[in-house]
Amino acid sequence: MLVIMEKTGSFMHCWWECKVVKPLWKGLWHFLTKLTIHLLYTTAIALLNIYPKENKTYIHMKACTQIFITTLSIIANN
């Protein structure tokens, strides 16, 4: 996996890489695996709502999109 560190204060840093939000995203991915939803841990899915072709089932996409929007709202509020 290619890891690109964004500058502190940038969009990617605030929403994905910041040490405060990283545990939230990791916990969310752990929760999804308990629901038997296996997705790559990537910003394209969480922030841009772009899913791999093999994961394009309507039920998973709808549930994950709602979960990701809620997570982003939590980050924005805090």
PDB file of N, CA and C in Angstrom:
ATOM      1  N   MET A   1       0.844  -1.172   0.000  1.00  0.00           N
ATOM      2  CA  MET A   1       0.000   0.000   0.000  1.00  0.00           C
ATOM      3  C   MET A   1       0.895   1.242   0.000  1.00  0.00           C
ATOM      4  N   LEU A   2       0.626   2.157  -0.873  1.00  0.00           N
ATOM      5  CA  LEU A   2       1.359   3.405  -0.969  1.00  0.00           C
ATOM      6  C   LEU A   2       0.809   4.386   0.058  1.00  0.00           C
ATOM      7  N   VAL A   3       1.691   4.929   0.886  1.00  0.00           N
ATOM      8  CA  VAL A   3       1.270   5.876   1.913  1.00  0.00           C
ATOM      9  C   VAL A   3       1.870   7.232   1.586  1.00  0.00           C
ATOM     10  N   ILE A   4       1.013   8.207   1.388  1.00  0.00           N
ATOM     11  CA  ILE A   4       1.457   9.562   1.105  1.00  0.00           C
ATOM     12  C   ILE A   4       1.027  10.429   2.279  1.00  0.00           C
ATOM     13  N   MET A   5       1.972  11.043   2.931  1.00  0.00           N
ATOM     14  CA  MET A   5       1.666  11.905   4.060  1.00  0.00           C
ATOM     15  C   MET A   5       1.340  13.303   3.545  1.00  0.00           C
ATOM     16  N   GLU A   6       0.192  13.778   3.896  1.00  0.00           N
ATOM     17  CA  GLU A   6      -0.237  15.112   3.504  1.00  0.00           C
ATOM     18  C   GLU A   6       0.237  16.131   4.532  1.00  0.00           C
ATOM     19  N   LYS A   7       0.319  17.360   4.085  1.00  0.00           N
ATOM     20  CA  LYS A   7       0.739  18.453   4.941  1.00  0.00           C
ATOM     21  C   LYS A   7      -0.300  18.671   6.054  1.00  0.00           C
ATOM     22  N   THR A   8       0.175  18.947   7.262  1.00  0.00           N
ATOM     23  CA  THR A   8      -0.716  19.200   8.386  1.00  0.00           C
ATOM     24  C   THR A   8      -1.649  20.361   8.059  1.00  0.00           C
ATOM     25  N   GLY A   9      -2.937  20.164   8.293  1.00  0.00           N
ATOM     26  CA  GLY A   9      -3.938  21.190   8.022  1.00  0.00           C
ATOM     27  C   GLY A   9      -4.613  21.045   6.670  1.00  0.00           C
ATOM     28  N   SER A  10      -4.086  20.156   5.812  1.00  0.00           N
ATOM     29  CA  SER A  10      -4.704  19.946   4.510  1.00  0.00           C
ATOM     30  C   SER A  10      -5.986  19.134   4.678  1.00  0.00           C
ATOM     31  N   PHE A  11      -6.785  19.104   3.642  1.00  0.00           N
ATOM     32  CA  PHE A  11      -8.041  18.345   3.658  1.00  0.00           C
ATOM     33  C   PHE A  11      -7.798  16.885   4.029  1.00  0.00           C
ATOM     34  N   MET A  12      -6.864  16.252   3.345  1.00  0.00           N
ATOM     35  CA  MET A  12      -6.596  14.836   3.582  1.00  0.00           C
ATOM     36  C   MET A  12      -6.089  14.601   4.996  1.00  0.00           C
ATOM     37  N   HIS A  13      -5.279  15.489   5.492  1.00  0.00           N
ATOM     38  CA  HIS A  13      -4.766  15.327   6.848  1.00  0.00           C
ATOM     39  C   HIS A  13      -5.897  15.436   7.874  1.00  0.00           C
ATOM     40  N   CYS A  14      -6.734  16.447   7.746  1.00  0.00           N
ATOM     41  CA  CYS A  14      -7.810  16.681   8.720  1.00  0.00           C
ATOM     42  C   CYS A  14      -8.858  15.581   8.712  1.00  0.00           C
ATOM     43  N   TRP A  15      -9.194  15.061   7.546  1.00  0.00           N
ATOM     44  CA  TRP A  15     -10.283  14.083   7.445  1.00  0.00           C
ATOM     45  C   TRP A  15      -9.825  12.636   7.523  1.00  0.00           C
ATOM     46  N   TRP A  16      -8.515  12.372   7.323  1.00  0.00           N
ATOM     47  CA  TRP A  16      -8.088  10.985   7.222  1.00  0.00           C
ATOM     48  C   TRP A  16      -6.833  10.655   8.023  1.00  0.00           C
ATOM     49  N   GLU A  17      -5.814  11.497   7.992  1.00  0.00           N
ATOM     50  CA  GLU A  17      -4.507  11.144   8.545  1.00  0.00           C
ATOM     51  C   GLU A  17      -4.230  11.673   9.946  1.00  0.00           C
ATOM     52  N   CYS A  18      -5.000  12.600  10.421  1.00  0.00           N
ATOM     53  CA  CYS A  18      -4.761  13.214  11.719  1.00  0.00           C
ATOM     54  C   CYS A  18      -4.791  12.141  12.819  1.00  0.00           C
ATOM     55  N   LYS A  19      -3.895  12.272  13.784  1.00  0.00           N
ATOM     56  CA  LYS A  19      -3.810  11.252  14.839  1.00  0.00           C
ATOM     57  C   LYS A  19      -5.092  11.170  15.670  1.00  0.00           C
ATOM     58  N   VAL A  20      -5.913  12.189  15.632  1.00  0.00           N
ATOM     59  CA  VAL A  20      -7.177  12.176  16.372  1.00  0.00           C
ATOM     60  C   VAL A  20      -8.241  11.363  15.634  1.00  0.00           C
ATOM     61  N   VAL A  21      -8.274  11.425  14.306  1.00  0.00           N
ATOM     62  CA  VAL A  21      -9.324  10.733  13.545  1.00  0.00           C
ATOM     63  C   VAL A  21      -8.927   9.329  13.085  1.00  0.00           C
ATOM     64  N   LYS A  22      -7.640   9.038  13.049  1.00  0.00           N
ATOM     65  CA  LYS A  22      -7.213   7.704  12.600  1.00  0.00           C
ATOM     66  C   LYS A  22      -7.841   6.575  13.413  1.00  0.00           C
ATOM     67  N   PRO A  23      -7.871   6.666  14.766  1.00  0.00           N
ATOM     68  CA  PRO A  23      -8.520   5.582  15.522  1.00  0.00           C
ATOM     69  C   PRO A  23     -10.011   5.441  15.204  1.00  0.00           C
ATOM     70  N   LEU A  24     -10.672   6.535  14.900  1.00  0.00           N
ATOM     71  CA  LEU A  24     -12.086   6.475  14.527  1.00  0.00           C
ATOM     72  C   LEU A  24     -12.275   5.677  13.246  1.00  0.00           C
ATOM     73  N   TRP A  25     -11.460   5.967  12.224  1.00  0.00           N
ATOM     74  CA  TRP A  25     -11.557   5.228  10.961  1.00  0.00           C
ATOM     75  C   TRP A  25     -11.201   3.760  11.150  1.00  0.00           C
ATOM     76  N   LYS A  26     -10.134   3.484  11.918  1.00  0.00           N
ATOM     77  CA  LYS A  26      -9.734   2.086  12.161  1.00  0.00           C
ATOM     78  C   LYS A  26     -10.858   1.328  12.871  1.00  0.00           C
ATOM     79  N   GLY A  27     -11.479   1.977  13.860  1.00  0.00           N
ATOM     80  CA  GLY A  27     -12.588   1.358  14.567  1.00  0.00           C
ATOM     81  C   GLY A  27     -13.775   1.092  13.658  1.00  0.00           C
ATOM     82  N   LEU A  28     -14.025   2.025  12.755  1.00  0.00           N
ATOM     83  CA  LEU A  28     -15.121   1.860  11.797  1.00  0.00           C
ATOM     84  C   LEU A  28     -14.862   0.659  10.890  1.00  0.00           C
ATOM     85  N   TRP A  29     -13.637   0.534  10.396  1.00  0.00           N
ATOM     86  CA  TRP A  29     -13.319  -0.613   9.528  1.00  0.00           C
ATOM     87  C   TRP A  29     -13.438  -1.919  10.300  1.00  0.00           C
ATOM     88  N   HIS A  30     -13.059  -1.914  11.561  1.00  0.00           N
ATOM     89  CA  HIS A  30     -13.208  -3.103  12.395  1.00  0.00           C
ATOM     90  C   HIS A  30     -14.695  -3.454  12.545  1.00  0.00           C
ATOM     91  N   PHE A  31     -15.529  -2.453  12.763  1.00  0.00           N
ATOM     92  CA  PHE A  31     -16.975  -2.657  12.866  1.00  0.00           C
ATOM     93  C   PHE A  31     -17.539  -3.239  11.573  1.00  0.00           C
ATOM     94  N   LEU A  32     -17.094  -2.739  10.423  1.00  0.00           N
ATOM     95  CA  LEU A  32     -17.582  -3.243   9.136  1.00  0.00           C
ATOM     96  C   LEU A  32     -17.214  -4.711   8.936  1.00  0.00           C
ATOM     97  N   THR A  33     -16.023  -5.114   9.374  1.00  0.00           N
ATOM     98  CA  THR A  33     -15.648  -6.522   9.225  1.00  0.00           C
ATOM     99  C   THR A  33     -16.521  -7.415  10.111  1.00  0.00           C
ATOM    100  N   LYS A  34     -16.958  -6.889  11.252  1.00  0.00           N
ATOM    101  CA  LYS A  34     -17.886  -7.662  12.090  1.00  0.00           C
ATOM    102  C   LYS A  34     -19.242  -7.830  11.403  1.00  0.00           C
ATOM    103  N   LEU A  35     -19.589  -6.898  10.521  1.00  0.00           N
ATOM    104  CA  LEU A  35     -20.824  -6.998   9.748  1.00  0.00           C
ATOM    105  C   LEU A  35     -20.617  -7.789   8.458  1.00  0.00           C
ATOM    106  N   THR A  36     -19.480  -8.416   8.331  1.00  0.00           N
ATOM    107  CA  THR A  36     -19.053  -9.165   7.143  1.00  0.00           C
ATOM    108  C   THR A  36     -18.999  -8.291   5.890  1.00  0.00           C
ATOM    109  N   ILE A  37     -18.649  -7.040   6.061  1.00  0.00           N
ATOM    110  CA  ILE A  37     -18.405  -6.142   4.933  1.00  0.00           C
ATOM    111  C   ILE A  37     -16.904  -5.914   4.893  1.00  0.00           C
ATOM    112  N   HIS A  38     -16.256  -6.465   3.889  1.00  0.00           N
ATOM    113  CA  HIS A  38     -14.803  -6.371   3.794  1.00  0.00           C
ATOM    114  C   HIS A  38     -14.426  -5.406   2.685  1.00  0.00           C
ATOM    115  N   LEU A  39     -13.901  -4.256   3.086  1.00  0.00           N
ATOM    116  CA  LEU A  39     -13.479  -3.225   2.147  1.00  0.00           C
ATOM    117  C   LEU A  39     -12.019  -2.893   2.377  1.00  0.00           C
ATOM    118  N   LEU A  40     -11.362  -2.410   1.346  1.00  0.00           N
ATOM    119  CA  LEU A  40     -10.004  -1.918   1.505  1.00  0.00           C
ATOM    120  C   LEU A  40     -10.027  -0.680   2.377  1.00  0.00           C
ATOM    121  N   TYR A  41      -9.012  -0.524   3.200  1.00  0.00           N
ATOM    122  CA  TYR A  41      -8.889   0.663   4.050  1.00  0.00           C
ATOM    123  C   TYR A  41      -8.299   1.769   3.197  1.00  0.00           C
ATOM    124  N   THR A  42      -9.162   2.542   2.553  1.00  0.00           N
ATOM    125  CA  THR A  42      -8.702   3.557   1.619  1.00  0.00           C
ATOM    126  C   THR A  42      -9.584   4.796   1.657  1.00  0.00           C
ATOM    127  N   THR A  43      -8.996   5.926   1.320  1.00  0.00           N
ATOM    128  CA  THR A  43      -9.739   7.189   1.321  1.00  0.00           C
ATOM    129  C   THR A  43     -10.762   7.252   0.207  1.00  0.00           C
ATOM    130  N   ALA A  44     -10.525   6.569  -0.897  1.00  0.00           N
ATOM    131  CA  ALA A  44     -11.464   6.618  -2.024  1.00  0.00           C
ATOM    132  C   ALA A  44     -12.833   6.117  -1.608  1.00  0.00           C
ATOM    133  N   ILE A  45     -12.868   5.095  -0.777  1.00  0.00           N
ATOM    134  CA  ILE A  45     -14.142   4.546  -0.333  1.00  0.00           C
ATOM    135  C   ILE A  45     -14.775   5.451   0.722  1.00  0.00           C
ATOM    136  N   ALA A  46     -14.021   5.799   1.734  1.00  0.00           N
ATOM    137  CA  ALA A  46     -14.580   6.539   2.868  1.00  0.00           C
ATOM    138  C   ALA A  46     -14.922   7.987   2.538  1.00  0.00           C
ATOM    139  N   LEU A  47     -14.043   8.680   1.836  1.00  0.00           N
ATOM    140  CA  LEU A  47     -14.256  10.107   1.601  1.00  0.00           C
ATOM    141  C   LEU A  47     -14.934  10.420   0.276  1.00  0.00           C
ATOM    142  N   LEU A  48     -14.696   9.598  -0.732  1.00  0.00           N
ATOM    143  CA  LEU A  48     -15.221   9.892  -2.073  1.00  0.00           C
ATOM    144  C   LEU A  48     -16.362   8.970  -2.496  1.00  0.00           C
ATOM    145  N   ASN A  49     -16.647   7.951  -1.685  1.00  0.00           N
ATOM    146  CA  ASN A  49     -17.731   7.013  -1.985  1.00  0.00           C
ATOM    147  C   ASN A  49     -17.490   6.260  -3.296  1.00  0.00           C
ATOM    148  N   ILE A  50     -16.245   5.890  -3.533  1.00  0.00           N
ATOM    149  CA  ILE A  50     -15.876   5.117  -4.720  1.00  0.00           C
ATOM    150  C   ILE A  50     -15.530   3.703  -4.268  1.00  0.00           C
ATOM    151  N   TYR A  51     -16.334   2.748  -4.667  1.00  0.00           N
ATOM    152  CA  TYR A  51     -16.168   1.364  -4.238  1.00  0.00           C
ATOM    153  C   TYR A  51     -15.514   0.535  -5.340  1.00  0.00           C
ATOM    154  N   PRO A  52     -14.722  -0.492  -4.966  1.00  0.00           N
ATOM    155  CA  PRO A  52     -14.187  -1.411  -5.979  1.00  0.00           C
ATOM    156  C   PRO A  52     -15.321  -2.153  -6.673  1.00  0.00           C
ATOM    157  N   LYS A  53     -15.124  -2.549  -7.899  1.00  0.00           N
ATOM    158  CA  LYS A  53     -16.174  -3.216  -8.672  1.00  0.00           C
ATOM    159  C   LYS A  53     -16.683  -4.484  -7.994  1.00  0.00           C
ATOM    160  N   GLU A  54     -15.794  -5.224  -7.327  1.00  0.00           N
ATOM    161  CA  GLU A  54     -16.231  -6.474  -6.698  1.00  0.00           C
ATOM    162  C   GLU A  54     -17.087  -6.248  -5.457  1.00  0.00           C
ATOM    163  N   ASN A  55     -17.146  -5.024  -4.934  1.00  0.00           N
ATOM    164  CA  ASN A  55     -17.941  -4.726  -3.740  1.00  0.00           C
ATOM    165  C   ASN A  55     -19.186  -3.902  -4.056  1.00  0.00           C
ATOM    166  N   LYS A  56     -19.608  -3.868  -5.263  1.00  0.00           N
ATOM    167  CA  LYS A  56     -20.731  -3.011  -5.625  1.00  0.00           C
ATOM    168  C   LYS A  56     -22.077  -3.699  -5.437  1.00  0.00           C
ATOM    169  N   THR A  57     -22.341  -4.165  -4.244  1.00  0.00           N
ATOM    170  CA  THR A  57     -23.676  -4.665  -3.934  1.00  0.00           C
ATOM    171  C   THR A  57     -24.443  -3.517  -3.311  1.00  0.00           C
ATOM    172  N   TYR A  58     -25.667  -3.369  -3.674  1.00  0.00           N
ATOM    173  CA  TYR A  58     -26.470  -2.223  -3.247  1.00  0.00           C
ATOM    174  C   TYR A  58     -26.578  -2.127  -1.728  1.00  0.00           C
ATOM    175  N   ILE A  59     -26.796  -3.242  -1.064  1.00  0.00           N
ATOM    176  CA  ILE A  59     -26.981  -3.228   0.388  1.00  0.00           C
ATOM    177  C   ILE A  59     -25.724  -2.739   1.083  1.00  0.00           C
ATOM    178  N   HIS A  60     -24.571  -3.260   0.685  1.00  0.00           N
ATOM    179  CA  HIS A  60     -23.315  -2.833   1.294  1.00  0.00           C
ATOM    180  C   HIS A  60     -23.023  -1.368   1.005  1.00  0.00           C
ATOM    181  N   MET A  61     -23.223  -0.954  -0.232  1.00  0.00           N
ATOM    182  CA  MET A  61     -22.931   0.439  -0.591  1.00  0.00           C
ATOM    183  C   MET A  61     -23.826   1.398   0.181  1.00  0.00           C
ATOM    184  N   LYS A  62     -25.101   1.089   0.283  1.00  0.00           N
ATOM    185  CA  LYS A  62     -26.029   1.976   0.975  1.00  0.00           C
ATOM    186  C   LYS A  62     -25.684   2.073   2.459  1.00  0.00           C
ATOM    187  N   ALA A  63     -25.430   0.948   3.086  1.00  0.00           N
ATOM    188  CA  ALA A  63     -25.086   0.941   4.511  1.00  0.00           C
ATOM    189  C   ALA A  63     -23.768   1.660   4.759  1.00  0.00           C
ATOM    190  N   CYS A  64     -22.765   1.360   3.967  1.00  0.00           N
ATOM    191  CA  CYS A  64     -21.455   1.975   4.158  1.00  0.00           C
ATOM    192  C   CYS A  64     -21.504   3.478   3.909  1.00  0.00           C
ATOM    193  N   THR A  65     -22.225   3.902   2.898  1.00  0.00           N
ATOM    194  CA  THR A  65     -22.333   5.334   2.614  1.00  0.00           C
ATOM    195  C   THR A  65     -22.944   6.067   3.800  1.00  0.00           C
ATOM    196  N   GLN A  66     -23.983   5.512   4.390  1.00  0.00           N
ATOM    197  CA  GLN A  66     -24.599   6.144   5.556  1.00  0.00           C
ATOM    198  C   GLN A  66     -23.646   6.173   6.745  1.00  0.00           C
ATOM    199  N   ILE A  67     -22.895   5.111   6.940  1.00  0.00           N
ATOM    200  CA  ILE A  67     -21.927   5.049   8.037  1.00  0.00           C
ATOM    201  C   ILE A  67     -20.814   6.066   7.817  1.00  0.00           C
ATOM    202  N   PHE A  68     -20.320   6.173   6.578  1.00  0.00           N
ATOM    203  CA  PHE A  68     -19.237   7.116   6.286  1.00  0.00           C
ATOM    204  C   PHE A  68     -19.698   8.563   6.455  1.00  0.00           C
ATOM    205  N   ILE A  69     -20.906   8.869   6.036  1.00  0.00           N
ATOM    206  CA  ILE A  69     -21.439  10.227   6.200  1.00  0.00           C
ATOM    207  C   ILE A  69     -21.566  10.560   7.687  1.00  0.00           C
ATOM    208  N   THR A  70     -22.017   9.611   8.468  1.00  0.00           N
ATOM    209  CA  THR A  70     -22.124   9.826   9.916  1.00  0.00           C
ATOM    210  C   THR A  70     -20.743  10.055  10.526  1.00  0.00           C
ATOM    211  N   THR A  71     -19.775   9.263  10.127  1.00  0.00           N
ATOM    212  CA  THR A  71     -18.412   9.419  10.636  1.00  0.00           C
ATOM    213  C   THR A  71     -17.832  10.776  10.272  1.00  0.00           C
ATOM    214  N   LEU A  72     -18.045  11.207   9.033  1.00  0.00           N
ATOM    215  CA  LEU A  72     -17.559  12.524   8.622  1.00  0.00           C
ATOM    216  C   LEU A  72     -18.251  13.637   9.408  1.00  0.00           C
ATOM    217  N   SER A  73     -19.526  13.465   9.727  1.00  0.00           N
ATOM    218  CA  SER A  73     -20.243  14.455  10.538  1.00  0.00           C
ATOM    219  C   SER A  73     -19.657  14.529  11.948  1.00  0.00           C
ATOM    220  N   ILE A  74     -19.318  13.381  12.507  1.00  0.00           N
ATOM    221  CA  ILE A  74     -18.696  13.350  13.835  1.00  0.00           C
ATOM    222  C   ILE A  74     -17.364  14.092  13.802  1.00  0.00           C
ATOM    223  N   ILE A  75     -16.567  13.827  12.785  1.00  0.00           N
ATOM    224  CA  ILE A  75     -15.263  14.503  12.663  1.00  0.00           C
ATOM    225  C   ILE A  75     -15.462  16.009  12.525  1.00  0.00           C
ATOM    226  N   ALA A  76     -16.406  16.421  11.697  1.00  0.00           N
ATOM    227  CA  ALA A  76     -16.636  17.857  11.476  1.00  0.00           C
ATOM    228  C   ALA A  76     -17.133  18.550  12.744  1.00  0.00           C
ATOM    229  N   ASN A  77     -17.972  17.875  13.511  1.00  0.00           N
ATOM    230  CA  ASN A  77     -18.501  18.470  14.743  1.00  0.00           C
ATOM    231  C   ASN A  77     -17.434  18.612  15.816  1.00  0.00           C
ATOM    232  N   ASN A  78     -16.455  17.718  15.803  1.00  0.00           N
ATOM    233  CA  ASN A  78     -15.409  17.768  16.817  1.00  0.00           C
ATOM    234  C   ASN A  78     -14.231  18.574  16.352  1.00  0.00           C
TER     235      ASN A  78
END
